[in-house]
Amino acid sequence: MGIKTDEREVLKEMVKRVRDKIRVTKVVCTRSVKGKHGDHYVGFSAAWDTIQDDAGGAADLISTQGTAEAQVAAETQGMTLREARFAALILGMQADIAAHDHSMAGSNITPVQREGAIKAIKGNYSRLMLELMRGNGNGDG
C-alpha cells in the first residue's frame, strides 16, 4: 500500500510546517571508549537559553512565571532543528574527545592512539558541520 501523490504533498507540507515550529531546548551526547582495561564513559548535556535547572519544556516555564511575557518567551525560546543539529555535532565532538582523553588517562589507549582518534574526530565532525551548513545534511530537506 503506497502513498498517493496528493497525500505525499500534504504530508511533506505538514512535516515542513511542524519541523519549522519545533524548538529544542536541550541536547545530550554520551560516549564510551572500550579498551583492554574497561570502558571510559563521558556524558555531556547542554541546555539552550532557559532559566530552568533541568531545561524542561515550555509548560514548566509558563507555570513558573505565569505572565504573558513568559508565554511569549516559551514560544520563542529554543533552537531550530538545524541549530539543534549543529549543537549536537558540537557537543558530540566534545564528548568524543573527552572520552578519548579519559581513556588515555586511564591507560586504556596510548597517547598516540588518542592523538589519531582526536584528529579523525575533528575532521569528521567538521565535514558533517559543513554539510549541514550547506544544507546537505540528512533530514534537512
N, C-alpha and C. Protein backbone atom coordinates (compact mmCIF):
# COMPACT_ATOMS: atom_id res chain seq x y z
N MET A 1 0.84 -1.18 0.00
CA MET A 1 0.00 0.00 0.00
C MET A 1 0.89 1.24 0.00
N GLY A 2 0.90 1.94 -1.11
CA GLY A 2 1.74 3.11 -1.25
C GLY A 2 1.04 4.40 -0.88
N ILE A 3 1.82 5.46 -0.83
CA ILE A 3 1.26 6.78 -0.53
C ILE A 3 0.86 7.43 -1.85
N LYS A 4 -0.35 7.95 -1.90
CA LYS A 4 -0.83 8.64 -3.09
C LYS A 4 -0.10 9.97 -3.25
N THR A 5 0.01 10.43 -4.48
CA THR A 5 0.74 11.67 -4.77
C THR A 5 0.18 12.85 -3.99
N ASP A 6 -1.14 13.01 -3.94
CA ASP A 6 -1.71 14.14 -3.21
C ASP A 6 -1.47 14.01 -1.71
N GLU A 7 -1.50 12.78 -1.19
CA GLU A 7 -1.20 12.56 0.22
C GLU A 7 0.26 12.87 0.52
N ARG A 8 1.14 12.51 -0.38
CA ARG A 8 2.57 12.76 -0.21
C ARG A 8 2.82 14.27 -0.09
N GLU A 9 2.18 15.07 -0.93
CA GLU A 9 2.36 16.53 -0.88
C GLU A 9 1.83 17.10 0.43
N VAL A 10 0.67 16.62 0.88
CA VAL A 10 0.10 17.08 2.15
C VAL A 10 1.04 16.69 3.30
N LEU A 11 1.55 15.47 3.25
CA LEU A 11 2.48 15.00 4.28
C LEU A 11 3.74 15.86 4.30
N LYS A 12 4.32 16.13 3.14
CA LYS A 12 5.53 16.95 3.07
C LYS A 12 5.28 18.34 3.65
N GLU A 13 4.14 18.92 3.35
CA GLU A 13 3.80 20.25 3.88
C GLU A 13 3.62 20.21 5.39
N MET A 14 2.97 19.16 5.89
CA MET A 14 2.76 19.03 7.33
C MET A 14 4.10 18.86 8.05
N VAL A 15 4.96 18.03 7.53
CA VAL A 15 6.28 17.83 8.13
C VAL A 15 7.05 19.15 8.14
N LYS A 16 7.03 19.88 7.04
CA LYS A 16 7.74 21.17 6.96
C LYS A 16 7.17 22.16 7.98
N ARG A 17 5.84 22.25 8.07
CA ARG A 17 5.21 23.20 8.98
C ARG A 17 5.57 22.86 10.44
N VAL A 18 5.48 21.59 10.80
CA VAL A 18 5.79 21.19 12.18
C VAL A 18 7.28 21.34 12.45
N ARG A 19 8.13 20.90 11.52
CA ARG A 19 9.58 20.99 11.69
C ARG A 19 10.01 22.44 11.88
N ASP A 20 9.40 23.37 11.17
CA ASP A 20 9.77 24.77 11.29
C ASP A 20 9.38 25.38 12.63
N LYS A 21 8.44 24.76 13.32
CA LYS A 21 7.99 25.28 14.62
C LYS A 21 8.62 24.58 15.80
N ILE A 22 9.26 23.46 15.58
CA ILE A 22 9.89 22.74 16.69
C ILE A 22 11.04 23.58 17.25
N ARG A 23 11.11 23.64 18.57
CA ARG A 23 12.21 24.31 19.25
C ARG A 23 12.82 23.33 20.23
N VAL A 24 14.11 23.15 20.16
CA VAL A 24 14.84 22.22 21.01
C VAL A 24 15.49 23.01 22.12
N THR A 25 15.34 22.56 23.37
CA THR A 25 15.92 23.28 24.50
C THR A 25 17.05 22.53 25.19
N LYS A 26 17.30 21.28 24.77
CA LYS A 26 18.37 20.53 25.42
C LYS A 26 18.95 19.50 24.46
N VAL A 27 20.26 19.38 24.48
CA VAL A 27 20.97 18.39 23.68
C VAL A 27 21.81 17.55 24.63
N VAL A 28 21.77 16.23 24.47
CA VAL A 28 22.53 15.32 25.32
C VAL A 28 23.36 14.41 24.42
N CYS A 29 24.64 14.26 24.73
CA CYS A 29 25.53 13.37 23.99
C CYS A 29 26.33 12.53 24.97
N THR A 30 26.35 11.24 24.74
CA THR A 30 27.13 10.34 25.59
C THR A 30 28.05 9.50 24.72
N ARG A 31 29.21 9.17 25.26
CA ARG A 31 30.18 8.37 24.53
C ARG A 31 30.89 7.43 25.49
N SER A 32 31.38 6.33 24.94
CA SER A 32 32.26 5.48 25.72
C SER A 32 33.35 4.95 24.79
N VAL A 33 34.51 4.78 25.36
CA VAL A 33 35.63 4.19 24.63
C VAL A 33 35.95 2.88 25.34
N LYS A 34 35.91 1.79 24.61
CA LYS A 34 36.18 0.47 25.17
C LYS A 34 37.65 0.13 24.94
N GLY A 35 38.24 -0.46 25.93
CA GLY A 35 39.64 -0.85 25.81
C GLY A 35 39.94 -2.07 26.64
N LYS A 36 41.20 -2.46 26.65
CA LYS A 36 41.59 -3.68 27.35
C LYS A 36 41.41 -3.59 28.86
N HIS A 37 41.36 -2.37 29.39
CA HIS A 37 41.21 -2.20 30.83
C HIS A 37 39.81 -1.73 31.22
N GLY A 38 38.84 -1.89 30.34
CA GLY A 38 37.46 -1.50 30.65
C GLY A 38 36.96 -0.38 29.74
N ASP A 39 35.88 0.22 30.17
CA ASP A 39 35.25 1.29 29.39
C ASP A 39 35.43 2.63 30.10
N HIS A 40 35.57 3.68 29.30
CA HIS A 40 35.59 5.03 29.83
C HIS A 40 34.40 5.75 29.23
N TYR A 41 33.52 6.24 30.07
CA TYR A 41 32.24 6.78 29.67
C TYR A 41 32.18 8.27 29.99
N VAL A 42 31.67 9.07 29.05
CA VAL A 42 31.50 10.51 29.25
C VAL A 42 30.12 10.90 28.75
N GLY A 43 29.42 11.73 29.49
CA GLY A 43 28.13 12.25 29.06
C GLY A 43 28.09 13.75 29.25
N PHE A 44 27.68 14.47 28.22
CA PHE A 44 27.53 15.92 28.29
C PHE A 44 26.08 16.27 28.01
N SER A 45 25.59 17.29 28.68
CA SER A 45 24.25 17.79 28.46
C SER A 45 24.33 19.29 28.36
N ALA A 46 23.67 19.87 27.37
CA ALA A 46 23.69 21.32 27.21
C ALA A 46 22.27 21.83 27.04
N ALA A 47 21.90 22.83 27.83
CA ALA A 47 20.59 23.45 27.72
C ALA A 47 20.71 24.76 26.96
N TRP A 48 19.64 25.14 26.32
CA TRP A 48 19.65 26.33 25.47
C TRP A 48 18.76 27.41 26.07
N ASP A 49 19.31 28.55 26.40
CA ASP A 49 18.58 29.77 26.72
C ASP A 49 17.36 29.52 27.60
N THR A 50 17.58 28.98 28.78
CA THR A 50 16.47 28.69 29.67
C THR A 50 16.81 29.09 31.09
N ILE A 51 15.79 29.36 31.88
CA ILE A 51 16.01 29.72 33.29
C ILE A 51 15.83 28.52 34.20
N GLN A 52 15.42 27.40 33.66
CA GLN A 52 15.13 26.23 34.46
C GLN A 52 16.38 25.42 34.73
N ASP A 53 16.44 24.79 35.92
CA ASP A 53 17.58 23.96 36.26
C ASP A 53 17.69 22.74 35.36
N ASP A 54 16.55 22.17 34.97
CA ASP A 54 16.58 20.95 34.18
C ASP A 54 16.26 21.18 32.71
N ALA A 55 16.10 22.41 32.30
CA ALA A 55 15.79 22.76 30.91
C ALA A 55 14.56 22.00 30.43
N GLY A 56 13.52 22.02 31.26
CA GLY A 56 12.26 21.34 30.92
C GLY A 56 11.53 22.04 29.80
N GLY A 57 10.29 21.64 29.58
CA GLY A 57 9.51 22.15 28.47
C GLY A 57 8.92 23.52 28.72
N ALA A 58 8.25 24.04 27.71
CA ALA A 58 7.66 25.36 27.76
C ALA A 58 6.59 25.46 28.83
N ALA A 59 5.83 24.39 29.05
CA ALA A 59 4.79 24.41 30.06
C ALA A 59 5.37 24.69 31.44
N ASP A 60 6.55 24.13 31.73
CA ASP A 60 7.21 24.38 33.01
C ASP A 60 7.58 25.84 33.15
N LEU A 61 8.09 26.43 32.09
CA LEU A 61 8.49 27.83 32.12
C LEU A 61 7.27 28.71 32.37
N ILE A 62 6.17 28.43 31.70
CA ILE A 62 4.98 29.24 31.86
C ILE A 62 4.43 29.11 33.28
N SER A 63 4.41 27.89 33.80
CA SER A 63 3.85 27.69 35.14
C SER A 63 4.72 28.35 36.21
N THR A 64 6.02 28.48 35.98
CA THR A 64 6.88 29.09 36.99
C THR A 64 6.78 30.61 36.96
N GLN A 65 6.48 31.19 35.80
CA GLN A 65 6.42 32.64 35.72
C GLN A 65 4.99 33.15 35.65
N GLY A 66 4.12 32.46 34.94
CA GLY A 66 2.71 32.80 34.91
C GLY A 66 2.35 34.14 34.28
N THR A 67 3.20 34.71 33.46
CA THR A 67 2.91 36.01 32.86
C THR A 67 2.77 35.88 31.36
N ALA A 68 2.23 36.94 30.76
CA ALA A 68 2.11 36.97 29.29
C ALA A 68 3.50 36.95 28.66
N GLU A 69 4.46 37.61 29.30
CA GLU A 69 5.83 37.61 28.78
C GLU A 69 6.41 36.20 28.78
N ALA A 70 6.07 35.42 29.81
CA ALA A 70 6.56 34.04 29.87
C ALA A 70 5.99 33.22 28.72
N GLN A 71 4.74 33.47 28.37
CA GLN A 71 4.12 32.76 27.25
C GLN A 71 4.88 33.06 25.96
N VAL A 72 5.18 34.34 25.71
CA VAL A 72 5.92 34.72 24.51
C VAL A 72 7.32 34.13 24.54
N ALA A 73 7.97 34.19 25.69
CA ALA A 73 9.32 33.63 25.81
C ALA A 73 9.31 32.14 25.54
N ALA A 74 8.33 31.45 26.06
CA ALA A 74 8.26 30.00 25.87
C ALA A 74 8.08 29.64 24.40
N GLU A 75 7.36 30.48 23.68
CA GLU A 75 7.12 30.19 22.27
C GLU A 75 8.33 30.50 21.39
N THR A 76 9.23 31.38 21.87
CA THR A 76 10.37 31.76 21.04
C THR A 76 11.68 31.17 21.51
N GLN A 77 11.72 30.61 22.73
CA GLN A 77 12.94 30.01 23.23
C GLN A 77 13.27 28.74 22.47
N GLY A 78 14.50 28.38 22.53
CA GLY A 78 14.90 27.12 21.94
C GLY A 78 15.58 27.31 20.60
N MET A 79 16.11 26.21 20.10
CA MET A 79 16.82 26.20 18.83
C MET A 79 15.91 25.62 17.75
N THR A 80 16.15 26.03 16.54
CA THR A 80 15.51 25.37 15.43
C THR A 80 16.12 23.98 15.32
N LEU A 81 15.52 23.11 14.53
CA LEU A 81 16.10 21.78 14.35
C LEU A 81 17.51 21.88 13.77
N ARG A 82 17.71 22.78 12.84
CA ARG A 82 19.05 22.93 12.25
C ARG A 82 20.06 23.37 13.31
N GLU A 83 19.68 24.36 14.12
CA GLU A 83 20.57 24.80 15.20
C GLU A 83 20.83 23.66 16.19
N ALA A 84 19.79 22.89 16.48
CA ALA A 84 19.94 21.77 17.41
C ALA A 84 20.89 20.72 16.84
N ARG A 85 20.82 20.51 15.52
CA ARG A 85 21.72 19.54 14.90
C ARG A 85 23.16 20.05 14.97
N PHE A 86 23.37 21.36 14.79
CA PHE A 86 24.71 21.92 14.96
C PHE A 86 25.17 21.75 16.41
N ALA A 87 24.27 22.04 17.36
CA ALA A 87 24.61 21.90 18.78
C ALA A 87 24.97 20.46 19.10
N ALA A 88 24.23 19.51 18.54
CA ALA A 88 24.52 18.10 18.79
C ALA A 88 25.89 17.72 18.23
N LEU A 89 26.23 18.25 17.06
CA LEU A 89 27.55 17.97 16.48
C LEU A 89 28.67 18.57 17.34
N ILE A 90 28.48 19.80 17.78
CA ILE A 90 29.50 20.45 18.61
C ILE A 90 29.66 19.70 19.93
N LEU A 91 28.53 19.39 20.58
CA LEU A 91 28.59 18.70 21.87
C LEU A 91 29.09 17.27 21.71
N GLY A 92 28.67 16.60 20.64
CA GLY A 92 29.12 15.25 20.38
C GLY A 92 30.62 15.18 20.17
N MET A 93 31.16 16.16 19.43
CA MET A 93 32.60 16.19 19.21
C MET A 93 33.33 16.33 20.54
N GLN A 94 32.84 17.21 21.41
CA GLN A 94 33.49 17.40 22.70
C GLN A 94 33.38 16.14 23.57
N ALA A 95 32.24 15.46 23.51
CA ALA A 95 32.08 14.21 24.28
C ALA A 95 33.03 13.14 23.75
N ASP A 96 33.16 13.03 22.43
CA ASP A 96 34.09 12.06 21.84
C ASP A 96 35.53 12.34 22.28
N ILE A 97 35.92 13.60 22.21
CA ILE A 97 37.29 13.97 22.59
C ILE A 97 37.52 13.68 24.07
N ALA A 98 36.56 14.06 24.92
CA ALA A 98 36.70 13.82 26.36
C ALA A 98 36.78 12.33 26.67
N ALA A 99 35.98 11.53 25.98
CA ALA A 99 36.02 10.09 26.21
C ALA A 99 37.40 9.52 25.87
N HIS A 100 38.00 10.01 24.80
CA HIS A 100 39.35 9.55 24.44
C HIS A 100 40.40 10.08 25.42
N ASP A 101 40.22 11.31 25.91
CA ASP A 101 41.11 11.84 26.94
C ASP A 101 41.06 10.95 28.19
N HIS A 102 39.85 10.61 28.62
CA HIS A 102 39.68 9.78 29.82
C HIS A 102 40.26 8.38 29.60
N SER A 103 40.04 7.86 28.41
CA SER A 103 40.54 6.52 28.10
C SER A 103 42.07 6.49 28.14
N MET A 104 42.70 7.53 27.61
CA MET A 104 44.16 7.61 27.65
C MET A 104 44.64 7.79 29.10
N ALA A 105 43.96 8.66 29.84
CA ALA A 105 44.35 8.90 31.22
C ALA A 105 44.23 7.63 32.06
N GLY A 106 43.28 6.77 31.71
CA GLY A 106 43.09 5.50 32.43
C GLY A 106 43.92 4.37 31.85
N SER A 107 44.87 4.69 30.98
CA SER A 107 45.78 3.71 30.37
C SER A 107 45.05 2.68 29.52
N ASN A 108 43.91 3.06 28.96
CA ASN A 108 43.15 2.17 28.11
C ASN A 108 43.59 2.28 26.65
N ILE A 109 44.04 3.47 26.26
CA ILE A 109 44.62 3.68 24.93
C ILE A 109 45.91 4.47 25.11
N THR A 110 46.77 4.44 24.12
CA THR A 110 48.04 5.15 24.20
C THR A 110 47.85 6.61 23.79
N PRO A 111 48.80 7.47 24.16
CA PRO A 111 48.73 8.86 23.70
C PRO A 111 48.70 8.96 22.17
N VAL A 112 49.40 8.10 21.48
CA VAL A 112 49.40 8.11 20.01
C VAL A 112 48.01 7.74 19.48
N GLN A 113 47.39 6.74 20.08
CA GLN A 113 46.03 6.36 19.67
C GLN A 113 45.05 7.51 19.93
N ARG A 114 45.21 8.18 21.07
CA ARG A 114 44.37 9.32 21.40
C ARG A 114 44.53 10.42 20.37
N GLU A 115 45.77 10.75 20.03
CA GLU A 115 46.03 11.82 19.05
C GLU A 115 45.40 11.49 17.70
N GLY A 116 45.55 10.24 17.26
CA GLY A 116 44.97 9.83 15.99
C GLY A 116 43.45 9.90 16.01
N ALA A 117 42.87 9.45 17.12
CA ALA A 117 41.41 9.48 17.24
C ALA A 117 40.89 10.91 17.24
N ILE A 118 41.54 11.79 17.97
CA ILE A 118 41.08 13.18 18.05
C ILE A 118 41.22 13.87 16.69
N LYS A 119 42.28 13.60 15.97
CA LYS A 119 42.44 14.18 14.64
C LYS A 119 41.29 13.72 13.73
N ALA A 120 40.97 12.43 13.77
CA ALA A 120 39.88 11.90 12.95
C ALA A 120 38.53 12.46 13.40
N ILE A 121 38.32 12.56 14.70
CA ILE A 121 37.07 13.09 15.24
C ILE A 121 36.85 14.52 14.75
N LYS A 122 37.87 15.37 14.88
CA LYS A 122 37.72 16.77 14.45
C LYS A 122 37.46 16.87 12.95
N GLY A 123 38.14 16.06 12.16
CA GLY A 123 37.93 16.08 10.72
C GLY A 123 36.53 15.62 10.34
N ASN A 124 36.07 14.53 10.96
CA ASN A 124 34.74 14.01 10.65
C ASN A 124 33.63 14.97 11.06
N TYR A 125 33.74 15.52 12.25
CA TYR A 125 32.71 16.47 12.70
C TYR A 125 32.73 17.74 11.85
N SER A 126 33.91 18.20 11.47
CA SER A 126 33.99 19.39 10.61
C SER A 126 33.28 19.15 9.29
N ARG A 127 33.49 17.97 8.71
CA ARG A 127 32.80 17.64 7.45
C ARG A 127 31.28 17.63 7.63
N LEU A 128 30.82 17.03 8.73
CA LEU A 128 29.37 17.00 8.98
C LEU A 128 28.80 18.40 9.19
N MET A 129 29.54 19.25 9.91
CA MET A 129 29.08 20.63 10.12
C MET A 129 29.01 21.39 8.81
N LEU A 130 30.01 21.20 7.97
CA LEU A 130 29.99 21.87 6.66
C LEU A 130 28.83 21.38 5.80
N GLU A 131 28.56 20.08 5.82
CA GLU A 131 27.41 19.55 5.08
C GLU A 131 26.11 20.17 5.58
N LEU A 132 25.96 20.25 6.89
CA LEU A 132 24.75 20.83 7.46
C LEU A 132 24.66 22.31 7.12
N MET A 133 25.77 23.02 7.20
CA MET A 133 25.80 24.45 6.87
C MET A 133 25.40 24.68 5.41
N ARG A 134 25.81 23.78 4.54
CA ARG A 134 25.49 23.90 3.11
C ARG A 134 24.10 23.39 2.79
N GLY A 135 23.43 22.83 3.79
CA GLY A 135 22.09 22.30 3.57
C GLY A 135 22.05 20.90 3.00
N ASN A 136 23.19 20.18 3.09
CA ASN A 136 23.27 18.82 2.56
C ASN A 136 23.14 17.74 3.63
N GLY A 137 22.89 18.14 4.87
CA GLY A 137 22.79 17.15 5.94
C GLY A 137 21.52 16.35 5.83
N ASN A 138 21.53 15.12 6.33
CA ASN A 138 20.34 14.26 6.29
C ASN A 138 19.19 14.92 7.03
N GLY A 139 18.00 14.81 6.48
CA GLY A 139 16.81 15.32 7.13
C GLY A 139 16.64 16.82 7.04
N ASP A 140 17.45 17.48 6.24
CA ASP A 140 17.39 18.94 6.15
C ASP A 140 16.52 19.40 4.99
N GLY A 141 16.01 18.47 4.20
CA GLY A 141 15.29 18.87 3.01
C GLY A 141 13.84 19.09 3.18
